[in-house]
Amino acid sequence: MTPETVLTIMQQTLQVITMLIAVILLPALCVGLLVAMFQAATSINEQTLSFIPKLLVTIFVLIFAGPWMLTLITGYAQRIFEDIPFLIG
């Protein structure tokens, strides 16, 4: 296995991880920003007010995007396992 092959596998792994994390974090960040703007406009400084909406959005994203995320992970793992003979030889 050459260093270029290892770097390619690592790059693909990081791309998959970035896609999975972005799907979860971006909606939570957007909701957090909206709640923070609402808190700034109304001068409400309650910590749970920002936590609960982000938690709910994250749960909904996991429910709706979960099958796609699972398909992405299993497809990538399957490709890695199928490429093992080529990587060794």
C-alpha atoms as a PDB file:
ATOM      1  CA  MET A   1       0.000   0.000   0.000  1.00  0.00           C
ATOM      2  CA  THR A   2       1.492   3.285  -1.093  1.00  0.00           C
ATOM      3  CA  PRO A   3       1.326   6.544   0.870  1.00  0.00           C
ATOM      4  CA  GLU A   4      -0.859   8.028  -1.879  1.00  0.00           C
ATOM      5  CA  THR A   5      -3.412   5.266  -1.366  1.00  0.00           C
ATOM      6  CA  VAL A   6      -3.491   5.873   2.375  1.00  0.00           C
ATOM      7  CA  LEU A   7      -3.940   9.596   1.829  1.00  0.00           C
ATOM      8  CA  THR A   8      -6.752   8.973  -0.654  1.00  0.00           C
ATOM      9  CA  ILE A   9      -8.579   6.719   1.801  1.00  0.00           C
ATOM     10  CA  MET A  10      -8.135   9.270   4.579  1.00  0.00           C
ATOM     11  CA  GLN A  11      -9.398  12.065   2.320  1.00  0.00           C
ATOM     12  CA  GLN A  12     -12.502  10.075   1.384  1.00  0.00           C
ATOM     13  CA  THR A  13     -13.108   9.234   5.045  1.00  0.00           C
ATOM     14  CA  LEU A  14     -12.867  12.883   6.052  1.00  0.00           C
ATOM     15  CA  GLN A  15     -15.282  13.854   3.273  1.00  0.00           C
ATOM     16  CA  VAL A  16     -17.853  11.324   4.474  1.00  0.00           C
ATOM     17  CA  ILE A  17     -17.447  12.456   8.084  1.00  0.00           C
ATOM     18  CA  THR A  18     -17.771  16.114   7.077  1.00  0.00           C
ATOM     19  CA  MET A  19     -20.985  15.424   5.167  1.00  0.00           C
ATOM     20  CA  LEU A  20     -22.485  13.513   8.097  1.00  0.00           C
ATOM     21  CA  ILE A  21     -21.549  16.160  10.634  1.00  0.00           C
ATOM     22  CA  ALA A  22     -22.702  19.053   8.447  1.00  0.00           C
ATOM     23  CA  VAL A  23     -26.155  17.518   8.030  1.00  0.00           C
ATOM     24  CA  ILE A  24     -26.567  17.439  11.800  1.00  0.00           C
ATOM     25  CA  LEU A  25     -24.822  20.647  12.830  1.00  0.00           C
ATOM     26  CA  LEU A  26     -25.959  23.193  10.230  1.00  0.00           C
ATOM     27  CA  PRO A  27     -29.672  23.086  11.126  1.00  0.00           C
ATOM     28  CA  ALA A  28     -28.821  23.232  14.839  1.00  0.00           C
ATOM     29  CA  LEU A  29     -26.561  26.227  14.232  1.00  0.00           C
ATOM     30  CA  CYS A  30     -29.268  28.031  12.248  1.00  0.00           C
ATOM     31  CA  VAL A  31     -31.870  27.435  14.969  1.00  0.00           C
ATOM     32  CA  GLY A  32     -29.372  28.526  17.615  1.00  0.00           C
ATOM     33  CA  LEU A  33     -28.750  31.742  15.709  1.00  0.00           C
ATOM     34  CA  LEU A  34     -32.469  32.460  15.387  1.00  0.00           C
ATOM     35  CA  VAL A  35     -33.055  31.809  19.085  1.00  0.00           C
ATOM     36  CA  ALA A  36     -30.064  33.978  20.006  1.00  0.00           C
ATOM     37  CA  MET A  37     -31.467  36.822  17.892  1.00  0.00           C
ATOM     38  CA  PHE A  38     -34.834  36.401  19.607  1.00  0.00           C
ATOM     39  CA  GLN A  39     -33.159  36.419  23.022  1.00  0.00           C
ATOM     40  CA  ALA A  40     -31.185  39.542  22.151  1.00  0.00           C
ATOM     41  CA  ALA A  41     -34.301  41.315  20.930  1.00  0.00           C
ATOM     42  CA  THR A  42     -36.344  40.436  24.007  1.00  0.00           C
ATOM     43  CA  SER A  43     -33.503  40.533  26.588  1.00  0.00           C
ATOM     44  CA  ILE A  44     -34.310  37.020  27.764  1.00  0.00           C
ATOM     45  CA  ASN A  45     -31.181  35.300  29.087  1.00  0.00           C
ATOM     46  CA  GLU A  46     -32.482  31.794  29.685  1.00  0.00           C
ATOM     47  CA  GLN A  47     -30.053  29.017  28.703  1.00  0.00           C
ATOM     48  CA  THR A  48     -32.711  26.335  28.263  1.00  0.00           C
ATOM     49  CA  LEU A  49     -34.509  28.508  25.738  1.00  0.00           C
ATOM     50  CA  SER A  50     -31.678  27.942  23.268  1.00  0.00           C
ATOM     51  CA  PHE A  51     -30.972  24.324  24.241  1.00  0.00           C
ATOM     52  CA  ILE A  52     -34.423  22.793  23.733  1.00  0.00           C
ATOM     53  CA  PRO A  53     -35.017  24.019  20.135  1.00  0.00           C
ATOM     54  CA  LYS A  54     -31.530  22.897  19.069  1.00  0.00           C
ATOM     55  CA  LEU A  55     -32.117  19.501  20.658  1.00  0.00           C
ATOM     56  CA  LEU A  56     -35.484  19.110  18.918  1.00  0.00           C
ATOM     57  CA  VAL A  57     -34.079  20.134  15.533  1.00  0.00           C
ATOM     58  CA  THR A  58     -31.191  17.703  15.937  1.00  0.00           C
ATOM     59  CA  ILE A  59     -33.609  14.876  16.772  1.00  0.00           C
ATOM     60  CA  PHE A  60     -35.807  15.693  13.762  1.00  0.00           C
ATOM     61  CA  VAL A  61     -32.767  15.834  11.469  1.00  0.00           C
ATOM     62  CA  LEU A  62     -31.612  12.454  12.752  1.00  0.00           C
ATOM     63  CA  ILE A  63     -35.081  11.010  12.173  1.00  0.00           C
ATOM     64  CA  PHE A  64     -35.425  12.336   8.634  1.00  0.00           C
ATOM     65  CA  ALA A  65     -31.791  12.152   7.466  1.00  0.00           C
ATOM     66  CA  GLY A  66     -30.916   8.998   9.406  1.00  0.00           C
ATOM     67  CA  PRO A  67     -31.651   6.561   6.571  1.00  0.00           C
ATOM     68  CA  TRP A  68     -29.546   8.603   4.158  1.00  0.00           C
ATOM     69  CA  MET A  69     -26.717   8.805   6.687  1.00  0.00           C
ATOM     70  CA  LEU A  70     -26.845   5.061   7.278  1.00  0.00           C
ATOM     71  CA  THR A  71     -26.813   4.415   3.521  1.00  0.00           C
ATOM     72  CA  LEU A  72     -23.793   6.700   3.136  1.00  0.00           C
ATOM     73  CA  ILE A  73     -21.852   5.002   5.929  1.00  0.00           C
ATOM     74  CA  THR A  74     -22.647   1.458   4.824  1.00  0.00           C
ATOM     75  CA  GLY A  75     -21.870   2.270   1.185  1.00  0.00           C
ATOM     76  CA  TYR A  76     -18.513   3.716   2.132  1.00  0.00           C
ATOM     77  CA  ALA A  77     -17.660   0.772   4.387  1.00  0.00           C
ATOM     78  CA  GLN A  78     -18.693  -1.648   1.656  1.00  0.00           C
ATOM     79  CA  ARG A  79     -16.440   0.117  -0.869  1.00  0.00           C
ATOM     80  CA  ILE A  80     -13.510  -0.017   1.555  1.00  0.00           C
ATOM     81  CA  PHE A  81     -14.032  -3.746   2.193  1.00  0.00           C
ATOM     82  CA  GLU A  82     -14.358  -4.464  -1.529  1.00  0.00           C
ATOM     83  CA  ASP A  83     -11.120  -2.576  -2.223  1.00  0.00           C
ATOM     84  CA  ILE A  84      -9.062  -4.518   0.333  1.00  0.00           C
ATOM     85  CA  PRO A  85      -7.714  -7.038  -2.212  1.00  0.00           C
ATOM     86  CA  PHE A  86      -6.602  -4.220  -4.511  1.00  0.00           C
ATOM     87  CA  LEU A  87      -5.042  -2.287  -1.661  1.00  0.00           C
ATOM     88  CA  ILE A  88      -3.011  -5.232  -0.436  1.00  0.00           C
ATOM     89  CA  GLY A  89      -1.774  -6.396  -3.805  1.00  0.00           C
END
